[in-house]
Amino acid sequence: MATYRYLDKDRNVLEEHDFGTVQDAEEHRLSVLGAEIIEEADDSGASDS
């Protein structure tokens, strides 16, 4: 399972969700208003400041 981020065109994070497959993540993007980019979240523990 991997965590995917949904971002708008300005790369603002709209949502984060865990999915078993990339296909599931891509299908969910259709329900995230304004989502234009999907990326796999880095699970290294780094946080935005």
PDB file of N, CA and C in Angstrom:
ATOM      1  N   MET A   1       0.851  -1.176   0.000  1.00  0.00           N
ATOM      2  CA  MET A   1       0.000   0.000   0.000  1.00  0.00           C
ATOM      3  C   MET A   1       0.894   1.236   0.000  1.00  0.00           C
ATOM      4  N   ALA A   2       0.461   2.257  -0.708  1.00  0.00           N
ATOM      5  CA  ALA A   2       1.244   3.483  -0.809  1.00  0.00           C
ATOM      6  C   ALA A   2       0.333   4.685  -0.591  1.00  0.00           C
ATOM      7  N   THR A   3       0.932   5.776  -0.143  1.00  0.00           N
ATOM      8  CA  THR A   3       0.197   7.016   0.057  1.00  0.00           C
ATOM      9  C   THR A   3       0.382   7.901  -1.165  1.00  0.00           C
ATOM     10  N   TYR A   4      -0.716   8.424  -1.666  1.00  0.00           N
ATOM     11  CA  TYR A   4      -0.688   9.297  -2.835  1.00  0.00           C
ATOM     12  C   TYR A   4      -1.217  10.667  -2.461  1.00  0.00           C
ATOM     13  N   ARG A   5      -0.582  11.694  -3.026  1.00  0.00           N
ATOM     14  CA  ARG A   5      -1.019  13.077  -2.827  1.00  0.00           C
ATOM     15  C   ARG A   5      -1.720  13.557  -4.086  1.00  0.00           C
ATOM     16  N   TYR A   6      -2.758  14.340  -3.876  1.00  0.00           N
ATOM     17  CA  TYR A   6      -3.485  14.974  -4.971  1.00  0.00           C
ATOM     18  C   TYR A   6      -3.192  16.458  -4.888  1.00  0.00           C
ATOM     19  N   LEU A   7      -2.628  17.007  -5.983  1.00  0.00           N
ATOM     20  CA  LEU A   7      -2.230  18.406  -5.998  1.00  0.00           C
ATOM     21  C   LEU A   7      -2.965  19.163  -7.095  1.00  0.00           C
ATOM     22  N   ASP A   8      -3.130  20.476  -6.873  1.00  0.00           N
ATOM     23  CA  ASP A   8      -3.703  21.310  -7.926  1.00  0.00           C
ATOM     24  C   ASP A   8      -2.590  21.782  -8.851  1.00  0.00           C
ATOM     25  N   LYS A   9      -2.933  22.609  -9.827  1.00  0.00           N
ATOM     26  CA  LYS A   9      -1.945  23.029 -10.828  1.00  0.00           C
ATOM     27  C   LYS A   9      -0.792  23.822 -10.224  1.00  0.00           C
ATOM     28  N   ASP A  10      -0.999  24.424  -9.040  1.00  0.00           N
ATOM     29  CA  ASP A  10       0.056  25.181  -8.366  1.00  0.00           C
ATOM     30  C   ASP A  10       0.820  24.327  -7.359  1.00  0.00           C
ATOM     31  N   ARG A  11       0.570  23.023  -7.383  1.00  0.00           N
ATOM     32  CA  ARG A  11       1.219  22.029  -6.533  1.00  0.00           C
ATOM     33  C   ARG A  11       0.852  22.169  -5.055  1.00  0.00           C
ATOM     34  N   ASN A  12      -0.337  22.707  -4.776  1.00  0.00           N
ATOM     35  CA  ASN A  12      -0.861  22.732  -3.420  1.00  0.00           C
ATOM     36  C   ASN A  12      -1.503  21.375  -3.141  1.00  0.00           C
ATOM     37  N   VAL A  13      -1.208  20.790  -1.981  1.00  0.00           N
ATOM     38  CA  VAL A  13      -1.765  19.483  -1.636  1.00  0.00           C
ATOM     39  C   VAL A  13      -3.241  19.639  -1.287  1.00  0.00           C
ATOM     40  N   LEU A  14      -4.076  18.899  -1.993  1.00  0.00           N
ATOM     41  CA  LEU A  14      -5.513  18.917  -1.750  1.00  0.00           C
ATOM     42  C   LEU A  14      -5.931  17.794  -0.808  1.00  0.00           C
ATOM     43  N   GLU A  15      -5.391  16.605  -1.033  1.00  0.00           N
ATOM     44  CA  GLU A  15      -5.723  15.426  -0.224  1.00  0.00           C
ATOM     45  C   GLU A  15      -4.567  14.446  -0.253  1.00  0.00           C
ATOM     46  N   GLU A  16      -4.550  13.558   0.739  1.00  0.00           N
ATOM     47  CA  GLU A  16      -3.624  12.417   0.768  1.00  0.00           C
ATOM     48  C   GLU A  16      -4.423  11.190   1.147  1.00  0.00           C
ATOM     49  N   HIS A  17      -4.195  10.092   0.438  1.00  0.00           N
ATOM     50  CA  HIS A  17      -4.897   8.835   0.722  1.00  0.00           C
ATOM     51  C   HIS A  17      -3.969   7.659   0.465  1.00  0.00           C
ATOM     52  N   ASP A  18      -4.243   6.552   1.155  1.00  0.00           N
ATOM     53  CA  ASP A  18      -3.518   5.300   0.928  1.00  0.00           C
ATOM     54  C   ASP A  18      -4.310   4.439  -0.053  1.00  0.00           C
ATOM     55  N   PHE A  19      -3.602   3.873  -1.032  1.00  0.00           N
ATOM     56  CA  PHE A  19      -4.223   2.977  -2.002  1.00  0.00           C
ATOM     57  C   PHE A  19      -3.317   1.788  -2.246  1.00  0.00           C
ATOM     58  N   GLY A  20      -3.929   0.675  -2.627  1.00  0.00           N
ATOM     59  CA  GLY A  20      -3.175  -0.529  -2.926  1.00  0.00           C
ATOM     60  C   GLY A  20      -2.535  -0.508  -4.303  1.00  0.00           C
ATOM     61  N   THR A  21      -3.162   0.207  -5.246  1.00  0.00           N
ATOM     62  CA  THR A  21      -2.630   0.249  -6.609  1.00  0.00           C
ATOM     63  C   THR A  21      -2.677   1.675  -7.153  1.00  0.00           C
ATOM     64  N   VAL A  22      -1.827   1.937  -8.135  1.00  0.00           N
ATOM     65  CA  VAL A  22      -1.820   3.234  -8.809  1.00  0.00           C
ATOM     66  C   VAL A  22      -3.163   3.461  -9.496  1.00  0.00           C
ATOM     67  N   GLN A  23      -3.728   2.400 -10.064  1.00  0.00           N
ATOM     68  CA  GLN A  23      -5.022   2.523 -10.745  1.00  0.00           C
ATOM     69  C   GLN A  23      -6.098   3.019  -9.782  1.00  0.00           C
ATOM     70  N   ASP A  24      -6.132   2.490  -8.565  1.00  0.00           N
ATOM     71  CA  ASP A  24      -7.106   2.954  -7.575  1.00  0.00           C
ATOM     72  C   ASP A  24      -6.902   4.436  -7.275  1.00  0.00           C
ATOM     73  N   ALA A  25      -5.651   4.851  -7.156  1.00  0.00           N
ATOM     74  CA  ALA A  25      -5.336   6.257  -6.884  1.00  0.00           C
ATOM     75  C   ALA A  25      -5.790   7.146  -8.035  1.00  0.00           C
ATOM     76  N   GLU A  26      -5.560   6.701  -9.264  1.00  0.00           N
ATOM     77  CA  GLU A  26      -5.961   7.488 -10.432  1.00  0.00           C
ATOM     78  C   GLU A  26      -7.481   7.590 -10.542  1.00  0.00           C
ATOM     79  N   GLU A  27      -8.179   6.511 -10.223  1.00  0.00           N
ATOM     80  CA  GLU A  27      -9.638   6.542 -10.272  1.00  0.00           C
ATOM     81  C   GLU A  27     -10.199   7.498  -9.220  1.00  0.00           C
ATOM     82  N   HIS A  28      -9.579   7.544  -8.044  1.00  0.00           N
ATOM     83  CA  HIS A  28     -10.046   8.434  -6.976  1.00  0.00           C
ATOM     84  C   HIS A  28      -9.837   9.902  -7.351  1.00  0.00           C
ATOM     85  N   ARG A  29      -8.825  10.188  -8.164  1.00  0.00           N
ATOM     86  CA  ARG A  29      -8.538  11.577  -8.557  1.00  0.00           C
ATOM     87  C   ARG A  29      -9.758  12.247  -9.178  1.00  0.00           C
ATOM     88  N   LEU A  30     -10.587  11.470  -9.854  1.00  0.00           N
ATOM     89  CA  LEU A  30     -11.777  12.023 -10.497  1.00  0.00           C
ATOM     90  C   LEU A  30     -12.739  12.650  -9.493  1.00  0.00           C
ATOM     91  N   SER A  31     -12.687  12.220  -8.245  1.00  0.00           N
ATOM     92  CA  SER A  31     -13.588  12.755  -7.224  1.00  0.00           C
ATOM     93  C   SER A  31     -12.947  13.867  -6.393  1.00  0.00           C
ATOM     94  N   VAL A  32     -11.688  14.200  -6.673  1.00  0.00           N
ATOM     95  CA  VAL A  32     -10.998  15.252  -5.924  1.00  0.00           C
ATOM     96  C   VAL A  32     -11.047  16.533  -6.757  1.00  0.00           C
ATOM     97  N   LEU A  33     -11.873  17.469  -6.335  1.00  0.00           N
ATOM     98  CA  LEU A  33     -12.082  18.708  -7.076  1.00  0.00           C
ATOM     99  C   LEU A  33     -10.783  19.491  -7.233  1.00  0.00           C
ATOM    100  N   GLY A  34     -10.400  19.781  -8.456  1.00  0.00           N
ATOM    101  CA  GLY A  34      -9.210  20.577  -8.738  1.00  0.00           C
ATOM    102  C   GLY A  34      -7.916  19.797  -8.818  1.00  0.00           C
ATOM    103  N   ALA A  35      -7.965  18.493  -8.580  1.00  0.00           N
ATOM    104  CA  ALA A  35      -6.738  17.690  -8.613  1.00  0.00           C
ATOM    105  C   ALA A  35      -6.266  17.510 -10.048  1.00  0.00           C
ATOM    106  N   GLU A  36      -5.043  17.914 -10.317  1.00  0.00           N
ATOM    107  CA  GLU A  36      -4.460  17.767 -11.649  1.00  0.00           C
ATOM    108  C   GLU A  36      -3.215  16.893 -11.623  1.00  0.00           C
ATOM    109  N   ILE A  37      -2.628  16.711 -10.445  1.00  0.00           N
ATOM    110  CA  ILE A  37      -1.379  15.969 -10.315  1.00  0.00           C
ATOM    111  C   ILE A  37      -1.555  14.918  -9.222  1.00  0.00           C
ATOM    112  N   ILE A  38      -1.059  13.715  -9.495  1.00  0.00           N
ATOM    113  CA  ILE A  38      -0.995  12.668  -8.473  1.00  0.00           C
ATOM    114  C   ILE A  38       0.470  12.329  -8.300  1.00  0.00           C
ATOM    115  N   GLU A  39       0.925  12.269  -7.038  1.00  0.00           N
ATOM    116  CA  GLU A  39       2.287  11.829  -6.793  1.00  0.00           C
ATOM    117  C   GLU A  39       2.301  10.931  -5.577  1.00  0.00           C
ATOM    118  N   GLU A  40       3.236  10.005  -5.570  1.00  0.00           N
ATOM    119  CA  GLU A  40       3.384   9.134  -4.419  1.00  0.00           C
ATOM    120  C   GLU A  40       4.075   9.918  -3.319  1.00  0.00           C
ATOM    121  N   ALA A  41       3.497   9.895  -2.120  1.00  0.00           N
ATOM    122  CA  ALA A  41       4.052  10.641  -0.996  1.00  0.00           C
ATOM    123  C   ALA A  41       5.330   9.977  -0.515  1.00  0.00           C
ATOM    124  N   ASP A  42       6.276  10.788  -0.100  1.00  0.00           N
ATOM    125  CA  ASP A  42       7.532  10.302   0.463  1.00  0.00           C
ATOM    126  C   ASP A  42       7.290   9.945   1.921  1.00  0.00           C
ATOM    127  N   ASP A  43       7.468   8.677   2.270  1.00  0.00           N
ATOM    128  CA  ASP A  43       7.216   8.223   3.638  1.00  0.00           C
ATOM    129  C   ASP A  43       8.455   8.268   4.515  1.00  0.00           C
ATOM    130  N   SER A  44       9.417   9.113   4.182  1.00  0.00           N
ATOM    131  CA  SER A  44      10.674   9.161   4.935  1.00  0.00           C
ATOM    132  C   SER A  44      10.542   9.914   6.249  1.00  0.00           C
ATOM    133  N   GLY A  45       9.378  10.541   6.495  1.00  0.00           N
ATOM    134  CA  GLY A  45       9.187  11.269   7.737  1.00  0.00           C
ATOM    135  C   GLY A  45       9.504  12.742   7.618  1.00  0.00           C
ATOM    136  N   ALA A  46       9.900  13.197   6.455  1.00  0.00           N
ATOM    137  CA  ALA A  46      10.180  14.616   6.256  1.00  0.00           C
ATOM    138  C   ALA A  46       8.865  15.386   6.282  1.00  0.00           C
ATOM    139  N   SER A  47       8.899  16.591   6.863  1.00  0.00           N
ATOM    140  CA  SER A  47       7.692  17.399   6.910  1.00  0.00           C
ATOM    141  C   SER A  47       7.963  18.770   6.324  1.00  0.00           C
ATOM    142  N   ASP A  48       6.892  19.394   5.841  1.00  0.00           N
ATOM    143  CA  ASP A  48       7.019  20.738   5.282  1.00  0.00           C
ATOM    144  C   ASP A  48       7.111  21.741   6.421  1.00  0.00           C
ATOM    145  N   SER A  49       7.920  22.772   6.249  1.00  0.00           N
ATOM    146  CA  SER A  49       8.070  23.793   7.283  1.00  0.00           C
ATOM    147  C   SER A  49       7.481  25.095   6.815  1.00  0.00           C
TER     148      SER A  49
END
